[in-house]
Amino acid sequence: MQCPDGNSWKLSDSGTLPQLSLGLEMKASALYRVAAVLLLLFDAGHTSGFPWSDPKWGVDLGSMRSTHFYIMGFSRTYWDFYVGFGLFVSVFLLLAMILAWQLGGLPPESLALMRGTAWVFALCFTAITALSWKYFFVVPVVFSIVITVCLIAAAWLSARPKSG
């Protein structure tokens, strides 16, 4: 098949996505590693955005910090929940980055045995993409979409070990 830029595509029967005739081939391991780097950048951006609010937005952080309530024997504020859950997200993005990196280092035969984990990981990021679309802004939406595409493609490619 001929591309508009003059390169031709050919289908690969080695368990990889279609490749350019230039020899560029995407394997599950490469897609997991790309996802891992994107997750690290996503995590760094999210964490560096603390306290995840800009005074120009006009949000009254004072009331979030001063309104105390008791829950299960602890005095907490909305600020405590806001910061705590923001940091939870940072930790889980770091965990996702480590998982993606580790999956990227597995041989194809092992990835085939991990297909349940691979698909749940991709499904999780599909949900994160939907939540980002509904509740956030362009940067987390774009990161979520690209990471989800990498994880779905990697899960698809890792479903069967390379034959040959």
N, C-alpha and C. Protein backbone atom coordinates (compact mmCIF):
# COMPACT_ATOMS: atom_id res chain seq x y z
N MET A 1 0.85 -1.17 0.00
CA MET A 1 0.00 0.00 0.00
C MET A 1 0.90 1.24 0.00
N GLN A 2 0.59 2.23 -0.79
CA GLN A 2 1.40 3.43 -0.92
C GLN A 2 0.82 4.54 -0.04
N CYS A 3 1.69 5.20 0.74
CA CYS A 3 1.30 6.32 1.58
C CYS A 3 1.44 7.61 0.78
N PRO A 4 0.75 8.69 1.22
CA PRO A 4 0.86 9.96 0.51
C PRO A 4 2.29 10.50 0.45
N ASP A 5 3.13 10.14 1.42
CA ASP A 5 4.50 10.65 1.44
C ASP A 5 5.45 9.80 0.59
N GLY A 6 4.92 8.79 -0.09
CA GLY A 6 5.74 7.98 -0.97
C GLY A 6 6.25 6.69 -0.36
N ASN A 7 6.18 6.56 0.97
CA ASN A 7 6.60 5.32 1.62
C ASN A 7 5.51 4.26 1.43
N SER A 8 5.90 3.04 1.48
CA SER A 8 4.90 1.99 1.35
C SER A 8 4.78 1.24 2.67
N TRP A 9 3.57 0.77 2.96
CA TRP A 9 3.28 -0.01 4.15
C TRP A 9 3.20 -1.46 3.77
N LYS A 10 3.66 -2.33 4.64
CA LYS A 10 3.45 -3.74 4.40
C LYS A 10 3.01 -4.37 5.71
N LEU A 11 2.19 -5.37 5.61
CA LEU A 11 1.72 -6.06 6.79
C LEU A 11 2.80 -7.00 7.28
N SER A 12 2.94 -7.08 8.58
CA SER A 12 3.94 -7.95 9.17
C SER A 12 3.26 -9.17 9.76
N ASP A 13 3.79 -10.34 9.52
CA ASP A 13 3.22 -11.56 10.09
C ASP A 13 4.02 -12.01 11.31
N SER A 14 4.81 -11.10 11.89
CA SER A 14 5.64 -11.47 13.04
C SER A 14 5.04 -10.99 14.36
N GLY A 15 3.73 -10.70 14.38
CA GLY A 15 3.10 -10.25 15.61
C GLY A 15 3.39 -8.79 15.91
N THR A 16 3.62 -8.00 14.86
CA THR A 16 3.87 -6.58 15.05
C THR A 16 2.87 -5.79 14.22
N LEU A 17 2.78 -4.50 14.53
CA LEU A 17 1.92 -3.63 13.74
C LEU A 17 2.50 -3.49 12.33
N PRO A 18 1.71 -3.00 11.38
CA PRO A 18 2.27 -2.79 10.04
C PRO A 18 3.53 -1.94 10.13
N GLN A 19 4.45 -2.21 9.26
CA GLN A 19 5.72 -1.50 9.30
C GLN A 19 5.95 -0.73 8.01
N LEU A 20 6.69 0.36 8.13
CA LEU A 20 7.10 1.10 6.95
C LEU A 20 8.17 0.30 6.22
N SER A 21 8.25 0.47 4.93
CA SER A 21 9.28 -0.25 4.19
C SER A 21 10.68 0.19 4.62
N LEU A 22 10.77 1.28 5.39
CA LEU A 22 12.05 1.73 5.90
C LEU A 22 12.56 0.81 7.01
N GLY A 23 11.73 -0.13 7.45
CA GLY A 23 12.14 -1.07 8.48
C GLY A 23 11.67 -0.68 9.87
N LEU A 24 10.88 0.38 9.98
CA LEU A 24 10.36 0.80 11.28
C LEU A 24 9.25 -0.16 11.70
N GLU A 25 9.44 -0.82 12.83
CA GLU A 25 8.49 -1.83 13.29
C GLU A 25 8.14 -1.56 14.74
N MET A 26 6.85 -1.56 15.07
CA MET A 26 6.44 -1.33 16.45
C MET A 26 6.15 -2.67 17.11
N LYS A 27 6.82 -2.93 18.20
CA LYS A 27 6.60 -4.14 18.97
C LYS A 27 5.96 -3.76 20.28
N ALA A 28 5.34 -4.74 20.93
CA ALA A 28 4.69 -4.49 22.22
C ALA A 28 5.66 -3.90 23.22
N SER A 29 6.89 -4.42 23.26
CA SER A 29 7.86 -3.92 24.24
C SER A 29 8.15 -2.44 24.02
N ALA A 30 8.27 -2.01 22.78
CA ALA A 30 8.53 -0.60 22.49
C ALA A 30 7.34 0.26 22.89
N LEU A 31 6.14 -0.23 22.63
CA LEU A 31 4.94 0.53 23.00
C LEU A 31 4.81 0.67 24.52
N TYR A 32 5.15 -0.40 25.26
CA TYR A 32 5.13 -0.30 26.72
C TYR A 32 6.17 0.70 27.21
N ARG A 33 7.33 0.71 26.59
CA ARG A 33 8.37 1.65 27.00
C ARG A 33 7.97 3.09 26.67
N VAL A 34 7.35 3.31 25.52
CA VAL A 34 6.84 4.65 25.18
C VAL A 34 5.79 5.06 26.21
N ALA A 35 4.87 4.16 26.54
CA ALA A 35 3.85 4.46 27.55
C ALA A 35 4.50 4.79 28.89
N ALA A 36 5.56 4.08 29.25
CA ALA A 36 6.24 4.32 30.53
C ALA A 36 6.83 5.74 30.58
N VAL A 37 7.46 6.15 29.50
CA VAL A 37 8.05 7.49 29.45
C VAL A 37 6.94 8.55 29.53
N LEU A 38 5.86 8.32 28.79
CA LEU A 38 4.73 9.26 28.85
C LEU A 38 4.11 9.31 30.24
N LEU A 39 4.02 8.15 30.89
CA LEU A 39 3.49 8.11 32.26
C LEU A 39 4.39 8.87 33.22
N LEU A 40 5.69 8.76 33.04
CA LEU A 40 6.62 9.50 33.89
C LEU A 40 6.44 11.01 33.69
N LEU A 41 6.30 11.44 32.45
CA LEU A 41 6.07 12.86 32.17
C LEU A 41 4.73 13.32 32.72
N PHE A 42 3.70 12.48 32.56
CA PHE A 42 2.36 12.78 33.08
C PHE A 42 2.43 12.94 34.60
N ASP A 43 3.12 12.02 35.26
CA ASP A 43 3.25 12.06 36.71
C ASP A 43 4.01 13.31 37.15
N ALA A 44 5.10 13.60 36.48
CA ALA A 44 5.89 14.79 36.83
C ALA A 44 5.06 16.06 36.66
N GLY A 45 4.31 16.14 35.57
CA GLY A 45 3.46 17.30 35.34
C GLY A 45 2.37 17.43 36.39
N HIS A 46 1.74 16.30 36.70
CA HIS A 46 0.67 16.31 37.70
C HIS A 46 1.22 16.73 39.06
N THR A 47 2.32 16.13 39.48
CA THR A 47 2.88 16.39 40.80
C THR A 47 3.42 17.82 40.89
N SER A 48 4.05 18.30 39.84
CA SER A 48 4.60 19.67 39.87
C SER A 48 3.51 20.72 39.85
N GLY A 49 2.30 20.34 39.49
CA GLY A 49 1.18 21.27 39.50
C GLY A 49 0.61 21.54 40.87
N PHE A 50 1.14 20.86 41.91
CA PHE A 50 0.65 21.05 43.28
C PHE A 50 0.71 22.53 43.63
N PRO A 51 -0.26 23.12 44.22
CA PRO A 51 -1.45 22.55 44.83
C PRO A 51 -2.64 22.43 43.88
N TRP A 52 -2.38 22.29 42.59
CA TRP A 52 -3.41 22.05 41.58
C TRP A 52 -4.49 23.12 41.57
N SER A 53 -4.08 24.35 41.83
CA SER A 53 -5.01 25.48 41.81
C SER A 53 -4.21 26.74 41.50
N ASP A 54 -4.82 27.65 40.80
CA ASP A 54 -4.20 28.92 40.45
C ASP A 54 -5.06 30.03 41.05
N PRO A 55 -4.45 31.00 41.75
CA PRO A 55 -5.25 32.08 42.34
C PRO A 55 -6.11 32.82 41.31
N LYS A 56 -5.67 32.84 40.04
CA LYS A 56 -6.45 33.51 38.99
C LYS A 56 -7.80 32.83 38.76
N TRP A 57 -7.93 31.58 39.20
CA TRP A 57 -9.18 30.86 39.00
C TRP A 57 -10.26 31.31 39.97
N GLY A 58 -9.86 32.01 41.02
CA GLY A 58 -10.84 32.51 41.98
C GLY A 58 -11.39 31.45 42.92
N VAL A 59 -10.67 30.35 43.10
CA VAL A 59 -11.12 29.30 43.99
C VAL A 59 -10.78 29.70 45.43
N ASP A 60 -11.74 29.57 46.33
CA ASP A 60 -11.54 29.93 47.73
C ASP A 60 -10.90 28.76 48.46
N LEU A 61 -9.57 28.70 48.44
CA LEU A 61 -8.86 27.63 49.12
C LEU A 61 -8.94 27.77 50.63
N GLY A 62 -9.15 29.00 51.10
CA GLY A 62 -9.25 29.23 52.54
C GLY A 62 -10.38 28.43 53.16
N SER A 63 -11.52 28.40 52.52
CA SER A 63 -12.64 27.63 53.07
C SER A 63 -12.38 26.13 52.98
N MET A 64 -11.65 25.70 51.96
CA MET A 64 -11.29 24.28 51.88
C MET A 64 -10.38 23.89 53.04
N ARG A 65 -9.52 24.83 53.45
CA ARG A 65 -8.58 24.55 54.54
C ARG A 65 -9.20 24.71 55.92
N SER A 66 -10.22 25.55 56.02
CA SER A 66 -10.75 25.86 57.36
C SER A 66 -12.01 25.08 57.73
N THR A 67 -12.67 24.48 56.76
CA THR A 67 -13.89 23.73 57.05
C THR A 67 -13.52 22.33 57.51
N HIS A 68 -13.64 22.10 58.81
CA HIS A 68 -13.30 20.81 59.41
C HIS A 68 -14.55 19.95 59.57
N PHE A 69 -14.39 18.67 59.42
CA PHE A 69 -15.46 17.72 59.70
C PHE A 69 -14.82 16.46 60.25
N TYR A 70 -15.61 15.69 60.93
CA TYR A 70 -15.12 14.45 61.54
C TYR A 70 -15.57 13.26 60.72
N ILE A 71 -14.62 12.41 60.42
CA ILE A 71 -14.93 11.20 59.68
C ILE A 71 -14.13 10.05 60.29
N MET A 72 -14.85 9.05 60.76
CA MET A 72 -14.25 7.85 61.35
C MET A 72 -13.21 8.18 62.42
N GLY A 73 -13.52 9.16 63.24
CA GLY A 73 -12.66 9.51 64.36
C GLY A 73 -11.55 10.49 64.04
N PHE A 74 -11.48 11.01 62.83
CA PHE A 74 -10.43 11.95 62.45
C PHE A 74 -11.04 13.29 62.05
N SER A 75 -10.38 14.36 62.43
CA SER A 75 -10.77 15.69 61.99
C SER A 75 -10.06 15.96 60.67
N ARG A 76 -10.82 16.21 59.64
CA ARG A 76 -10.26 16.45 58.30
C ARG A 76 -10.90 17.68 57.68
N THR A 77 -10.25 18.21 56.65
CA THR A 77 -10.81 19.30 55.86
C THR A 77 -10.92 18.84 54.41
N TYR A 78 -11.63 19.61 53.61
CA TYR A 78 -11.69 19.30 52.18
C TYR A 78 -10.29 19.43 51.57
N TRP A 79 -9.48 20.35 52.11
CA TRP A 79 -8.11 20.49 51.64
C TRP A 79 -7.31 19.21 51.86
N ASP A 80 -7.51 18.57 53.02
CA ASP A 80 -6.83 17.30 53.29
C ASP A 80 -7.17 16.26 52.23
N PHE A 81 -8.46 16.17 51.90
CA PHE A 81 -8.89 15.20 50.88
C PHE A 81 -8.34 15.59 49.50
N TYR A 82 -8.38 16.87 49.18
CA TYR A 82 -7.91 17.37 47.90
C TYR A 82 -6.42 17.04 47.71
N VAL A 83 -5.60 17.38 48.71
CA VAL A 83 -4.17 17.11 48.63
C VAL A 83 -3.91 15.60 48.66
N GLY A 84 -4.58 14.90 49.57
CA GLY A 84 -4.37 13.45 49.70
C GLY A 84 -4.68 12.72 48.42
N PHE A 85 -5.82 13.02 47.79
CA PHE A 85 -6.18 12.32 46.56
C PHE A 85 -5.29 12.76 45.40
N GLY A 86 -4.86 14.01 45.39
CA GLY A 86 -3.91 14.45 44.37
C GLY A 86 -2.60 13.68 44.45
N LEU A 87 -2.12 13.47 45.68
CA LEU A 87 -0.89 12.71 45.86
C LEU A 87 -1.10 11.22 45.58
N PHE A 88 -2.30 10.70 45.87
CA PHE A 88 -2.63 9.32 45.48
C PHE A 88 -2.44 9.16 43.98
N VAL A 89 -2.94 10.11 43.21
CA VAL A 89 -2.83 10.04 41.75
C VAL A 89 -1.36 10.03 41.34
N SER A 90 -0.54 10.86 41.97
CA SER A 90 0.89 10.88 41.66
C SER A 90 1.53 9.51 41.91
N VAL A 91 1.20 8.90 43.04
CA VAL A 91 1.76 7.59 43.38
C VAL A 91 1.28 6.53 42.39
N PHE A 92 0.00 6.55 42.03
CA PHE A 92 -0.51 5.54 41.10
C PHE A 92 0.02 5.73 39.68
N LEU A 93 0.25 6.97 39.27
CA LEU A 93 0.88 7.18 37.96
C LEU A 93 2.31 6.63 37.96
N LEU A 94 3.00 6.79 39.08
CA LEU A 94 4.35 6.23 39.19
C LEU A 94 4.30 4.70 39.14
N LEU A 95 3.33 4.10 39.82
CA LEU A 95 3.15 2.65 39.76
C LEU A 95 2.86 2.20 38.32
N ALA A 96 1.98 2.93 37.64
CA ALA A 96 1.65 2.60 36.24
C ALA A 96 2.89 2.70 35.36
N MET A 97 3.73 3.71 35.60
CA MET A 97 4.96 3.86 34.82
C MET A 97 5.87 2.65 35.04
N ILE A 98 6.02 2.23 36.29
CA ILE A 98 6.88 1.08 36.59
C ILE A 98 6.32 -0.19 35.95
N LEU A 99 5.00 -0.38 36.03
CA LEU A 99 4.38 -1.55 35.41
C LEU A 99 4.60 -1.56 33.90
N ALA A 100 4.39 -0.41 33.25
CA ALA A 100 4.59 -0.34 31.80
C ALA A 100 6.05 -0.63 31.44
N TRP A 101 6.98 -0.10 32.22
CA TRP A 101 8.40 -0.34 31.95
C TRP A 101 8.73 -1.82 32.12
N GLN A 102 8.21 -2.43 33.17
CA GLN A 102 8.46 -3.85 33.41
C GLN A 102 7.85 -4.72 32.31
N LEU A 103 6.63 -4.41 31.88
CA LEU A 103 6.01 -5.16 30.78
C LEU A 103 6.83 -5.01 29.51
N GLY A 104 7.40 -3.83 29.30
CA GLY A 104 8.23 -3.60 28.12
C GLY A 104 9.51 -4.40 28.12
N GLY A 105 9.93 -4.88 29.28
CA GLY A 105 11.16 -5.66 29.37
C GLY A 105 10.94 -7.16 29.30
N LEU A 106 9.69 -7.60 29.21
CA LEU A 106 9.41 -9.03 29.18
C LEU A 106 9.55 -9.59 27.76
N PRO A 107 9.99 -10.84 27.65
CA PRO A 107 10.03 -11.47 26.33
C PRO A 107 8.60 -11.72 25.82
N PRO A 108 8.41 -11.83 24.51
CA PRO A 108 7.07 -12.02 23.94
C PRO A 108 6.30 -13.20 24.54
N GLU A 109 6.99 -14.26 24.86
CA GLU A 109 6.30 -15.44 25.41
C GLU A 109 5.70 -15.12 26.78
N SER A 110 6.43 -14.35 27.59
CA SER A 110 5.92 -13.95 28.90
C SER A 110 4.78 -12.96 28.77
N LEU A 111 4.90 -12.04 27.81
CA LEU A 111 3.82 -11.07 27.58
C LEU A 111 2.52 -11.78 27.20
N ALA A 112 2.65 -12.84 26.42
CA ALA A 112 1.46 -13.60 26.02
C ALA A 112 0.77 -14.20 27.24
N LEU A 113 1.54 -14.59 28.24
CA LEU A 113 0.97 -15.13 29.47
C LEU A 113 0.38 -14.04 30.36
N MET A 114 0.76 -12.81 30.13
CA MET A 114 0.31 -11.67 30.93
C MET A 114 -0.82 -10.90 30.25
N ARG A 115 -1.48 -11.51 29.28
CA ARG A 115 -2.47 -10.76 28.50
C ARG A 115 -3.62 -10.22 29.34
N GLY A 116 -4.01 -10.93 30.40
CA GLY A 116 -5.06 -10.42 31.29
C GLY A 116 -4.63 -9.12 31.94
N THR A 117 -3.41 -9.09 32.45
CA THR A 117 -2.87 -7.88 33.06
C THR A 117 -2.77 -6.77 32.03
N ALA A 118 -2.29 -7.11 30.84
CA ALA A 118 -2.13 -6.11 29.78
C ALA A 118 -3.46 -5.47 29.42
N TRP A 119 -4.51 -6.28 29.28
CA TRP A 119 -5.82 -5.74 28.90
C TRP A 119 -6.48 -4.96 30.03
N VAL A 120 -6.30 -5.39 31.28
CA VAL A 120 -6.84 -4.64 32.41
C VAL A 120 -6.14 -3.28 32.52
N PHE A 121 -4.84 -3.27 32.30
CA PHE A 121 -4.06 -2.04 32.31
C PHE A 121 -4.58 -1.08 31.23
N ALA A 122 -4.80 -1.60 30.03
CA ALA A 122 -5.33 -0.78 28.94
C ALA A 122 -6.74 -0.29 29.26
N LEU A 123 -7.56 -1.17 29.82
CA LEU A 123 -8.94 -0.79 30.19
C LEU A 123 -8.93 0.29 31.26
N CYS A 124 -8.04 0.17 32.23
CA CYS A 124 -7.91 1.19 33.27
C CYS A 124 -7.61 2.55 32.65
N PHE A 125 -6.70 2.59 31.70
CA PHE A 125 -6.37 3.87 31.08
C PHE A 125 -7.45 4.36 30.13
N THR A 126 -8.26 3.46 29.62
CA THR A 126 -9.42 3.89 28.85
C THR A 126 -10.37 4.65 29.77
N ALA A 127 -10.58 4.14 30.98
CA ALA A 127 -11.43 4.82 31.96
C ALA A 127 -10.80 6.15 32.38
N ILE A 128 -9.49 6.18 32.57
CA ILE A 128 -8.81 7.43 32.93
C ILE A 128 -8.96 8.46 31.82
N THR A 129 -8.91 8.01 30.58
CA THR A 129 -9.11 8.91 29.45
C THR A 129 -10.51 9.50 29.47
N ALA A 130 -11.51 8.67 29.73
CA ALA A 130 -12.90 9.17 29.79
C ALA A 130 -13.06 10.17 30.94
N LEU A 131 -12.48 9.86 32.09
CA LEU A 131 -12.56 10.77 33.24
C LEU A 131 -11.81 12.07 32.96
N SER A 132 -10.67 11.98 32.32
CA SER A 132 -9.91 13.18 31.96
C SER A 132 -10.72 14.05 31.01
N TRP A 133 -11.35 13.43 30.04
CA TRP A 133 -12.17 14.15 29.06
C TRP A 133 -13.31 14.88 29.76
N LYS A 134 -13.95 14.21 30.72
CA LYS A 134 -15.12 14.80 31.40
C LYS A 134 -14.73 15.88 32.40
N TYR A 135 -13.63 15.69 33.14
CA TYR A 135 -13.36 16.55 34.28
C TYR A 135 -12.13 17.46 34.18
N PHE A 136 -11.24 17.23 33.22
CA PHE A 136 -10.00 17.99 33.22
C PHE A 136 -9.85 18.83 31.97
N PHE A 137 -8.64 19.03 31.51
CA PHE A 137 -8.34 19.95 30.41
C PHE A 137 -7.43 19.25 29.41
N VAL A 138 -6.98 19.98 28.42
CA VAL A 138 -6.36 19.37 27.24
C VAL A 138 -5.10 18.55 27.55
N VAL A 139 -4.22 19.00 28.44
CA VAL A 139 -2.96 18.28 28.67
C VAL A 139 -3.21 16.86 29.22
N PRO A 140 -3.98 16.70 30.31
CA PRO A 140 -4.22 15.32 30.77
C PRO A 140 -5.03 14.49 29.76
N VAL A 141 -5.89 15.14 29.00
CA VAL A 141 -6.66 14.41 27.99
C VAL A 141 -5.73 13.86 26.93
N VAL A 142 -4.82 14.67 26.42
CA VAL A 142 -3.89 14.22 25.37
C VAL A 142 -2.98 13.12 25.90
N PHE A 143 -2.40 13.34 27.10
CA PHE A 143 -1.55 12.29 27.68
C PHE A 143 -2.33 10.99 27.84
N SER A 144 -3.54 11.08 28.36
CA SER A 144 -4.35 9.88 28.59
C SER A 144 -4.66 9.15 27.28
N ILE A 145 -5.01 9.90 26.26
CA ILE A 145 -5.33 9.28 24.96
C ILE A 145 -4.12 8.56 24.39
N VAL A 146 -2.97 9.22 24.37
CA VAL A 146 -1.77 8.62 23.77
C VAL A 146 -1.32 7.40 24.58
N ILE A 147 -1.36 7.51 25.90
CA ILE A 147 -0.98 6.36 26.74
C ILE A 147 -1.95 5.21 26.51
N THR A 148 -3.24 5.50 26.43
CA THR A 148 -4.24 4.45 26.20
C THR A 148 -4.02 3.77 24.86
N VAL A 149 -3.75 4.54 23.82
CA VAL A 149 -3.49 3.95 22.50
C VAL A 149 -2.26 3.04 22.56
N CYS A 150 -1.20 3.48 23.22
CA CYS A 150 0.00 2.64 23.36
C CYS A 150 -0.31 1.35 24.10
N LEU A 151 -1.07 1.46 25.20
CA LEU A 151 -1.37 0.27 26.00
C LEU A 151 -2.30 -0.70 25.27
N ILE A 152 -3.28 -0.19 24.53
CA ILE A 152 -4.17 -1.07 23.77
C ILE A 152 -3.39 -1.77 22.66
N ALA A 153 -2.57 -1.00 21.94
CA ALA A 153 -1.77 -1.61 20.86
C ALA A 153 -0.80 -2.64 21.43
N ALA A 154 -0.17 -2.34 22.55
CA ALA A 154 0.77 -3.28 23.16
C ALA A 154 0.05 -4.54 23.64
N ALA A 155 -1.13 -4.38 24.24
CA ALA A 155 -1.90 -5.55 24.69
C ALA A 155 -2.30 -6.40 23.49
N TRP A 156 -2.71 -5.77 22.42
CA TRP A 156 -3.10 -6.49 21.20
C TRP A 156 -1.91 -7.29 20.65
N LEU A 157 -0.76 -6.63 20.59
CA LEU A 157 0.43 -7.28 20.04
C LEU A 157 0.98 -8.38 20.95
N SER A 158 0.77 -8.24 22.24
CA SER A 158 1.32 -9.22 23.17
C SER A 158 0.39 -10.39 23.43
N ALA A 159 -0.75 -10.42 22.74
CA ALA A 159 -1.73 -11.48 22.98
C ALA A 159 -1.22 -12.86 22.57
N ARG A 160 -0.33 -12.91 21.59
CA ARG A 160 0.22 -14.18 21.13
C ARG A 160 1.73 -14.08 21.07
N PRO A 161 2.42 -15.13 21.45
CA PRO A 161 3.87 -15.08 21.31
C PRO A 161 4.26 -15.08 19.83
N LYS A 162 5.38 -14.50 19.56
CA LYS A 162 5.91 -14.47 18.20
C LYS A 162 6.18 -15.89 17.74
N SER A 163 5.66 -16.24 16.60
CA SER A 163 5.92 -17.60 16.08
C SER A 163 7.12 -17.53 15.14
N GLY A 164 7.84 -18.59 15.10
CA GLY A 164 8.94 -18.57 14.16
C GLY A 164 10.12 -19.20 14.72
